[in-house]
Amino acid sequence: MWFKNLRLFRLHPEWTADSIDELVAKKAFTPGSSQDPLSLGWAPAHEQTDLVHRVQGQILLTAKAEKKLLPSTVINQIA
């Protein structure tokens, strides 16, 4: 898998994968409604994993953004 945008961080040892999982679960990605210009949240790194993916002592998180390029009023006028 190739990354579009990769950022590496070194976390304090007190931060465990379980504690991070609890925090990101509160801000999981949900697709926005037709009125939301931007939706942000955490998504699973792979289709069959949790929001926090653990690999050889490393933690992988995936942030997901959905941005509407045109407002729904413009789309409705054209359609």
PDB file of N, CA and C in Angstrom:
ATOM      1  N   MET A   1       0.853  -1.176   0.000  1.00  0.00           N
ATOM      2  CA  MET A   1       0.000   0.000   0.000  1.00  0.00           C
ATOM      3  C   MET A   1       0.896   1.236   0.000  1.00  0.00           C
ATOM      4  N   TRP A   2       0.594   2.171  -0.856  1.00  0.00           N
ATOM      5  CA  TRP A   2       1.315   3.443  -0.910  1.00  0.00           C
ATOM      6  C   TRP A   2       0.474   4.500  -0.226  1.00  0.00           C
ATOM      7  N   PHE A   3       1.133   5.431   0.390  1.00  0.00           N
ATOM      8  CA  PHE A   3       0.452   6.472   1.143  1.00  0.00           C
ATOM      9  C   PHE A   3       0.364   7.747   0.316  1.00  0.00           C
ATOM     10  N   LYS A   4      -0.789   8.413   0.386  1.00  0.00           N
ATOM     11  CA  LYS A   4      -0.922   9.723  -0.246  1.00  0.00           C
ATOM     12  C   LYS A   4      -0.252  10.789   0.614  1.00  0.00           C
ATOM     13  N   ASN A   5      -0.417  10.657   1.910  1.00  0.00           N
ATOM     14  CA  ASN A   5       0.124  11.639   2.838  1.00  0.00           C
ATOM     15  C   ASN A   5       0.465  10.906   4.129  1.00  0.00           C
ATOM     16  N   LEU A   6       1.734  10.816   4.444  1.00  0.00           N
ATOM     17  CA  LEU A   6       2.174  10.067   5.614  1.00  0.00           C
ATOM     18  C   LEU A   6       2.849  11.009   6.601  1.00  0.00           C
ATOM     19  N   ARG A   7       2.422  10.929   7.854  1.00  0.00           N
ATOM     20  CA  ARG A   7       3.050  11.715   8.921  1.00  0.00           C
ATOM     21  C   ARG A   7       3.378  10.767  10.065  1.00  0.00           C
ATOM     22  N   LEU A   8       4.589  10.848  10.534  1.00  0.00           N
ATOM     23  CA  LEU A   8       5.044   9.996  11.628  1.00  0.00           C
ATOM     24  C   LEU A   8       5.189  10.821  12.900  1.00  0.00           C
ATOM     25  N   PHE A   9       4.738  10.241  14.007  1.00  0.00           N
ATOM     26  CA  PHE A   9       4.837  10.899  15.300  1.00  0.00           C
ATOM     27  C   PHE A   9       5.363   9.907  16.323  1.00  0.00           C
ATOM     28  N   ARG A  10       6.145  10.384  17.244  1.00  0.00           N
ATOM     29  CA  ARG A  10       6.584   9.563  18.373  1.00  0.00           C
ATOM     30  C   ARG A  10       5.729   9.984  19.568  1.00  0.00           C
ATOM     31  N   LEU A  11       4.978   9.034  20.116  1.00  0.00           N
ATOM     32  CA  LEU A  11       4.069   9.327  21.218  1.00  0.00           C
ATOM     33  C   LEU A  11       4.708   8.982  22.553  1.00  0.00           C
ATOM     34  N   HIS A  12       4.209   9.615  23.588  1.00  0.00           N
ATOM     35  CA  HIS A  12       4.660   9.324  24.946  1.00  0.00           C
ATOM     36  C   HIS A  12       4.313   7.867  25.259  1.00  0.00           C
ATOM     37  N   PRO A  13       5.170   7.145  25.972  1.00  0.00           N
ATOM     38  CA  PRO A  13       4.917   5.722  26.255  1.00  0.00           C
ATOM     39  C   PRO A  13       3.623   5.452  27.022  1.00  0.00           C
ATOM     40  N   GLU A  14       3.084   6.445  27.709  1.00  0.00           N
ATOM     41  CA  GLU A  14       1.828   6.247  28.442  1.00  0.00           C
ATOM     42  C   GLU A  14       0.635   6.088  27.502  1.00  0.00           C
ATOM     43  N   TRP A  15       0.768   6.531  26.277  1.00  0.00           N
ATOM     44  CA  TRP A  15      -0.315   6.398  25.312  1.00  0.00           C
ATOM     45  C   TRP A  15      -0.289   4.984  24.747  1.00  0.00           C
ATOM     46  N   THR A  16      -1.323   4.233  25.020  1.00  0.00           N
ATOM     47  CA  THR A  16      -1.409   2.870  24.503  1.00  0.00           C
ATOM     48  C   THR A  16      -2.374   2.840  23.327  1.00  0.00           C
ATOM     49  N   ALA A  17      -2.321   1.763  22.573  1.00  0.00           N
ATOM     50  CA  ALA A  17      -3.227   1.618  21.435  1.00  0.00           C
ATOM     51  C   ALA A  17      -4.681   1.597  21.905  1.00  0.00           C
ATOM     52  N   ASP A  18      -4.940   0.994  23.058  1.00  0.00           N
ATOM     53  CA  ASP A  18      -6.310   0.941  23.574  1.00  0.00           C
ATOM     54  C   ASP A  18      -6.824   2.323  23.959  1.00  0.00           C
ATOM     55  N   SER A  19      -5.975   3.138  24.584  1.00  0.00           N
ATOM     56  CA  SER A  19      -6.423   4.484  24.962  1.00  0.00           C
ATOM     57  C   SER A  19      -6.639   5.350  23.723  1.00  0.00           C
ATOM     58  N   ILE A  20      -5.797   5.186  22.722  1.00  0.00           N
ATOM     59  CA  ILE A  20      -5.979   5.933  21.469  1.00  0.00           C
ATOM     60  C   ILE A  20      -7.248   5.470  20.769  1.00  0.00           C
ATOM     61  N   ASP A  21      -7.509   4.164  20.812  1.00  0.00           N
ATOM     62  CA  ASP A  21      -8.711   3.613  20.179  1.00  0.00           C
ATOM     63  C   ASP A  21      -9.972   4.217  20.793  1.00  0.00           C
ATOM     64  N   GLU A  22      -9.995   4.372  22.107  1.00  0.00           N
ATOM     65  CA  GLU A  22     -11.152   4.979  22.774  1.00  0.00           C
ATOM     66  C   GLU A  22     -11.363   6.417  22.312  1.00  0.00           C
ATOM     67  N   LEU A  23     -10.272   7.155  22.164  1.00  0.00           N
ATOM     68  CA  LEU A  23     -10.376   8.564  21.773  1.00  0.00           C
ATOM     69  C   LEU A  23     -10.831   8.731  20.327  1.00  0.00           C
ATOM     70  N   VAL A  24     -10.257   7.966  19.409  1.00  0.00           N
ATOM     71  CA  VAL A  24     -10.619   8.145  17.998  1.00  0.00           C
ATOM     72  C   VAL A  24     -12.004   7.577  17.694  1.00  0.00           C
ATOM     73  N   ALA A  25     -12.478   6.633  18.513  1.00  0.00           N
ATOM     74  CA  ALA A  25     -13.822   6.086  18.300  1.00  0.00           C
ATOM     75  C   ALA A  25     -14.887   7.170  18.470  1.00  0.00           C
ATOM     76  N   LYS A  26     -14.596   8.156  19.307  1.00  0.00           N
ATOM     77  CA  LYS A  26     -15.543   9.256  19.516  1.00  0.00           C
ATOM     78  C   LYS A  26     -15.649  10.155  18.287  1.00  0.00           C
ATOM     79  N   LYS A  27     -14.625  10.143  17.456  1.00  0.00           N
ATOM     80  CA  LYS A  27     -14.589  11.005  16.267  1.00  0.00           C
ATOM     81  C   LYS A  27     -14.467  10.174  14.989  1.00  0.00           C
ATOM     82  N   ALA A  28     -15.156   9.040  14.946  1.00  0.00           N
ATOM     83  CA  ALA A  28     -15.117   8.186  13.757  1.00  0.00           C
ATOM     84  C   ALA A  28     -15.766   8.907  12.579  1.00  0.00           C
ATOM     85  N   PHE A  29     -15.292   8.614  11.379  1.00  0.00           N
ATOM     86  CA  PHE A  29     -15.799   9.272  10.179  1.00  0.00           C
ATOM     87  C   PHE A  29     -17.224   8.829   9.889  1.00  0.00           C
ATOM     88  N   THR A  30     -18.073   9.791   9.607  1.00  0.00           N
ATOM     89  CA  THR A  30     -19.416   9.528   9.101  1.00  0.00           C
ATOM     90  C   THR A  30     -19.615  10.426   7.888  1.00  0.00           C
ATOM     91  N   PRO A  31     -20.131   9.883   6.796  1.00  0.00           N
ATOM     92  CA  PRO A  31     -20.344  10.718   5.612  1.00  0.00           C
ATOM     93  C   PRO A  31     -21.287  11.872   5.938  1.00  0.00           C
ATOM     94  N   GLY A  32     -20.997  13.011   5.375  1.00  0.00           N
ATOM     95  CA  GLY A  32     -21.804  14.195   5.636  1.00  0.00           C
ATOM     96  C   GLY A  32     -23.123  14.168   4.887  1.00  0.00           C
ATOM     97  N   SER A  33     -24.038  14.983   5.344  1.00  0.00           N
ATOM     98  CA  SER A  33     -25.311  15.120   4.643  1.00  0.00           C
ATOM     99  C   SER A  33     -25.103  16.021   3.426  1.00  0.00           C
ATOM    100  N   SER A  34     -26.149  16.230   2.679  1.00  0.00           N
ATOM    101  CA  SER A  34     -26.031  17.065   1.484  1.00  0.00           C
ATOM    102  C   SER A  34     -25.737  18.524   1.831  1.00  0.00           C
ATOM    103  N   GLN A  35     -26.000  18.920   3.067  1.00  0.00           N
ATOM    104  CA  GLN A  35     -25.776  20.303   3.485  1.00  0.00           C
ATOM    105  C   GLN A  35     -24.395  20.538   4.096  1.00  0.00           C
ATOM    106  N   ASP A  36     -23.679  19.471   4.418  1.00  0.00           N
ATOM    107  CA  ASP A  36     -22.359  19.605   5.044  1.00  0.00           C
ATOM    108  C   ASP A  36     -21.288  19.796   3.978  1.00  0.00           C
ATOM    109  N   PRO A  37     -20.569  20.913   3.998  1.00  0.00           N
ATOM    110  CA  PRO A  37     -19.518  21.118   2.996  1.00  0.00           C
ATOM    111  C   PRO A  37     -18.281  20.261   3.249  1.00  0.00           C
ATOM    112  N   LEU A  38     -18.074  19.833   4.507  1.00  0.00           N
ATOM    113  CA  LEU A  38     -16.878  19.071   4.849  1.00  0.00           C
ATOM    114  C   LEU A  38     -17.190  18.089   5.970  1.00  0.00           C
ATOM    115  N   SER A  39     -16.714  16.863   5.822  1.00  0.00           N
ATOM    116  CA  SER A  39     -16.828  15.852   6.873  1.00  0.00           C
ATOM    117  C   SER A  39     -15.436  15.326   7.177  1.00  0.00           C
ATOM    118  N   LEU A  40     -15.085  15.284   8.452  1.00  0.00           N
ATOM    119  CA  LEU A  40     -13.779  14.790   8.891  1.00  0.00           C
ATOM    120  C   LEU A  40     -13.967  13.726   9.956  1.00  0.00           C
ATOM    121  N   GLY A  41     -13.048  12.778  10.004  1.00  0.00           N
ATOM    122  CA  GLY A  41     -13.101  11.762  11.049  1.00  0.00           C
ATOM    123  C   GLY A  41     -12.044  10.700  10.833  1.00  0.00           C
ATOM    124  N   TRP A  42     -12.017   9.734  11.736  1.00  0.00           N
ATOM    125  CA  TRP A  42     -11.062   8.634  11.661  1.00  0.00           C
ATOM    126  C   TRP A  42     -11.722   7.444  10.995  1.00  0.00           C
ATOM    127  N   ALA A  43     -10.987   6.777  10.124  1.00  0.00           N
ATOM    128  CA  ALA A  43     -11.503   5.630   9.379  1.00  0.00           C
ATOM    129  C   ALA A  43     -10.574   4.438   9.593  1.00  0.00           C
ATOM    130  N   PRO A  44     -11.079   3.213   9.384  1.00  0.00           N
ATOM    131  CA  PRO A  44     -10.201   2.042   9.491  1.00  0.00           C
ATOM    132  C   PRO A  44      -9.085   2.098   8.452  1.00  0.00           C
ATOM    133  N   ALA A  45      -7.894   1.660   8.844  1.00  0.00           N
ATOM    134  CA  ALA A  45      -6.757   1.653   7.923  1.00  0.00           C
ATOM    135  C   ALA A  45      -6.959   0.612   6.822  1.00  0.00           C
ATOM    136  N   HIS A  46      -7.569  -0.506   7.166  1.00  0.00           N
ATOM    137  CA  HIS A  46      -7.913  -1.552   6.210  1.00  0.00           C
ATOM    138  C   HIS A  46      -9.389  -1.859   6.391  1.00  0.00           C
ATOM    139  N   GLU A  47      -9.983  -2.509   5.413  1.00  0.00           N
ATOM    140  CA  GLU A  47     -11.427  -2.756   5.459  1.00  0.00           C
ATOM    141  C   GLU A  47     -11.850  -3.596   6.660  1.00  0.00           C
ATOM    142  N   GLN A  48     -11.014  -4.521   7.082  1.00  0.00           N
ATOM    143  CA  GLN A  48     -11.414  -5.460   8.129  1.00  0.00           C
ATOM    144  C   GLN A  48     -10.707  -5.207   9.457  1.00  0.00           C
ATOM    145  N   THR A  49     -10.343  -3.961   9.731  1.00  0.00           N
ATOM    146  CA  THR A  49      -9.654  -3.655  10.984  1.00  0.00           C
ATOM    147  C   THR A  49     -10.426  -2.615  11.781  1.00  0.00           C
ATOM    148  N   ASP A  50      -9.967  -2.416  13.000  1.00  0.00           N
ATOM    149  CA  ASP A  50     -10.525  -1.364  13.847  1.00  0.00           C
ATOM    150  C   ASP A  50      -9.966  -0.018  13.394  1.00  0.00           C
ATOM    151  N   LEU A  51     -10.374   1.037  14.068  1.00  0.00           N
ATOM    152  CA  LEU A  51      -9.859   2.364  13.733  1.00  0.00           C
ATOM    153  C   LEU A  51      -8.363   2.470  14.008  1.00  0.00           C
ATOM    154  N   VAL A  52      -7.895   1.761  15.031  1.00  0.00           N
ATOM    155  CA  VAL A  52      -6.466   1.736  15.352  1.00  0.00           C
ATOM    156  C   VAL A  52      -5.914   0.396  14.884  1.00  0.00           C
ATOM    157  N   HIS A  53      -4.962   0.448  13.970  1.00  0.00           N
ATOM    158  CA  HIS A  53      -4.366  -0.774  13.414  1.00  0.00           C
ATOM    159  C   HIS A  53      -2.968  -0.934  14.002  1.00  0.00           C
ATOM    160  N   ARG A  54      -2.729  -2.075  14.651  1.00  0.00           N
ATOM    161  CA  ARG A  54      -1.444  -2.334  15.301  1.00  0.00           C
ATOM    162  C   ARG A  54      -0.608  -3.269  14.435  1.00  0.00           C
ATOM    163  N   VAL A  55       0.646  -2.882  14.176  1.00  0.00           N
ATOM    164  CA  VAL A  55       1.562  -3.700  13.384  1.00  0.00           C
ATOM    165  C   VAL A  55       2.948  -3.629  14.018  1.00  0.00           C
ATOM    166  N   GLN A  56       3.445  -4.744  14.502  1.00  0.00           N
ATOM    167  CA  GLN A  56       4.796  -4.856  15.052  1.00  0.00           C
ATOM    168  C   GLN A  56       5.129  -3.719  16.024  1.00  0.00           C
ATOM    169  N   GLY A  57       4.224  -3.465  16.954  1.00  0.00           N
ATOM    170  CA  GLY A  57       4.459  -2.431  17.955  1.00  0.00           C
ATOM    171  C   GLY A  57       4.189  -1.015  17.475  1.00  0.00           C
ATOM    172  N   GLN A  58       3.774  -0.861  16.242  1.00  0.00           N
ATOM    173  CA  GLN A  58       3.460   0.460  15.689  1.00  0.00           C
ATOM    174  C   GLN A  58       1.940   0.615  15.619  1.00  0.00           C
ATOM    175  N   ILE A  59       1.480   1.842  15.605  1.00  0.00           N
ATOM    176  CA  ILE A  59       0.052   2.140  15.530  1.00  0.00           C
ATOM    177  C   ILE A  59      -0.206   2.933  14.260  1.00  0.00           C
ATOM    178  N   LEU A  60      -1.169   2.477  13.468  1.00  0.00           N
ATOM    179  CA  LEU A  60      -1.526   3.156  12.227  1.00  0.00           C
ATOM    180  C   LEU A  60      -2.933   3.719  12.357  1.00  0.00           C
ATOM    181  N   LEU A  61      -3.067   5.016  12.107  1.00  0.00           N
ATOM    182  CA  LEU A  61      -4.362   5.701  12.111  1.00  0.00           C
ATOM    183  C   LEU A  61      -4.597   6.295  10.734  1.00  0.00           C
ATOM    184  N   THR A  62      -5.844   6.335  10.316  1.00  0.00           N
ATOM    185  CA  THR A  62      -6.187   6.916   9.027  1.00  0.00           C
ATOM    186  C   THR A  62      -7.242   7.996   9.223  1.00  0.00           C
ATOM    187  N   ALA A  63      -6.902   9.205   8.839  1.00  0.00           N
ATOM    188  CA  ALA A  63      -7.863  10.311   8.864  1.00  0.00           C
ATOM    189  C   ALA A  63      -8.537  10.369   7.499  1.00  0.00           C
ATOM    190  N   LYS A  64      -9.837  10.596   7.508  1.00  0.00           N
ATOM    191  CA  LYS A  64     -10.591  10.645   6.257  1.00  0.00           C
ATOM    192  C   LYS A  64     -11.340  11.968   6.175  1.00  0.00           C
ATOM    193  N   ALA A  65     -11.327  12.568   4.989  1.00  0.00           N
ATOM    194  CA  ALA A  65     -12.037  13.830   4.763  1.00  0.00           C
ATOM    195  C   ALA A  65     -12.894  13.691   3.515  1.00  0.00           C
ATOM    196  N   GLU A  66     -14.078  14.241   3.585  1.00  0.00           N
ATOM    197  CA  GLU A  66     -14.980  14.260   2.435  1.00  0.00           C
ATOM    198  C   GLU A  66     -15.394  15.713   2.232  1.00  0.00           C
ATOM    199  N   LYS A  67     -15.034  16.255   1.086  1.00  0.00           N
ATOM    200  CA  LYS A  67     -15.310  17.661   0.816  1.00  0.00           C
ATOM    201  C   LYS A  67     -16.234  17.763  -0.389  1.00  0.00           C
ATOM    202  N   LYS A  68     -17.274  18.541  -0.233  1.00  0.00           N
ATOM    203  CA  LYS A  68     -18.194  18.784  -1.338  1.00  0.00           C
ATOM    204  C   LYS A  68     -17.636  19.940  -2.161  1.00  0.00           C
ATOM    205  N   LEU A  69     -17.475  19.717  -3.454  1.00  0.00           N
ATOM    206  CA  LEU A  69     -16.902  20.748  -4.308  1.00  0.00           C
ATOM    207  C   LEU A  69     -17.930  21.797  -4.708  1.00  0.00           C
ATOM    208  N   LEU A  70     -19.169  21.373  -4.896  1.00  0.00           N
ATOM    209  CA  LEU A  70     -20.229  22.307  -5.275  1.00  0.00           C
ATOM    210  C   LEU A  70     -21.345  22.267  -4.246  1.00  0.00           C
ATOM    211  N   PRO A  71     -21.914  23.396  -3.898  1.00  0.00           N
ATOM    212  CA  PRO A  71     -23.059  23.391  -2.987  1.00  0.00           C
ATOM    213  C   PRO A  71     -24.251  22.690  -3.636  1.00  0.00           C
ATOM    214  N   SER A  72     -25.106  22.110  -2.819  1.00  0.00           N
ATOM    215  CA  SER A  72     -26.258  21.378  -3.343  1.00  0.00           C
ATOM    216  C   SER A  72     -27.200  22.286  -4.128  1.00  0.00           C
ATOM    217  N   THR A  73     -27.263  23.584  -3.814  1.00  0.00           N
ATOM    218  CA  THR A  73     -28.141  24.492  -4.559  1.00  0.00           C
ATOM    219  C   THR A  73     -27.696  24.614  -6.014  1.00  0.00           C
ATOM    220  N   VAL A  74     -26.384  24.612  -6.254  1.00  0.00           N
ATOM    221  CA  VAL A  74     -25.870  24.690  -7.624  1.00  0.00           C
ATOM    222  C   VAL A  74     -26.191  23.409  -8.378  1.00  0.00           C
ATOM    223  N   ILE A  75     -26.029  22.278  -7.723  1.00  0.00           N
ATOM    224  CA  ILE A  75     -26.322  20.996  -8.367  1.00  0.00           C
ATOM    225  C   ILE A  75     -27.805  20.902  -8.695  1.00  0.00           C
ATOM    226  N   ASN A  76     -28.678  21.350  -7.783  1.00  0.00           N
ATOM    227  CA  ASN A  76     -30.118  21.293  -8.021  1.00  0.00           C
ATOM    228  C   ASN A  76     -30.536  22.219  -9.160  1.00  0.00           C
ATOM    229  N   GLN A  77     -29.870  23.363  -9.321  1.00  0.00           N
ATOM    230  CA  GLN A  77     -30.209  24.281 -10.406  1.00  0.00           C
ATOM    231  C   GLN A  77     -29.870  23.675 -11.761  1.00  0.00           C
ATOM    232  N   ILE A  78     -28.753  22.970 -11.832  1.00  0.00           N
ATOM    233  CA  ILE A  78     -28.319  22.390 -13.104  1.00  0.00           C
ATOM    234  C   ILE A  78     -29.121  21.144 -13.439  1.00  0.00           C
ATOM    235  N   ALA A  79     -29.483  20.355 -12.438  1.00  0.00           N
ATOM    236  CA  ALA A  79     -30.190  19.093 -12.668  1.00  0.00           C
ATOM    237  C   ALA A  79     -31.605  19.342 -12.972  1.00  0.00           C
TER     238      ALA A  79
END
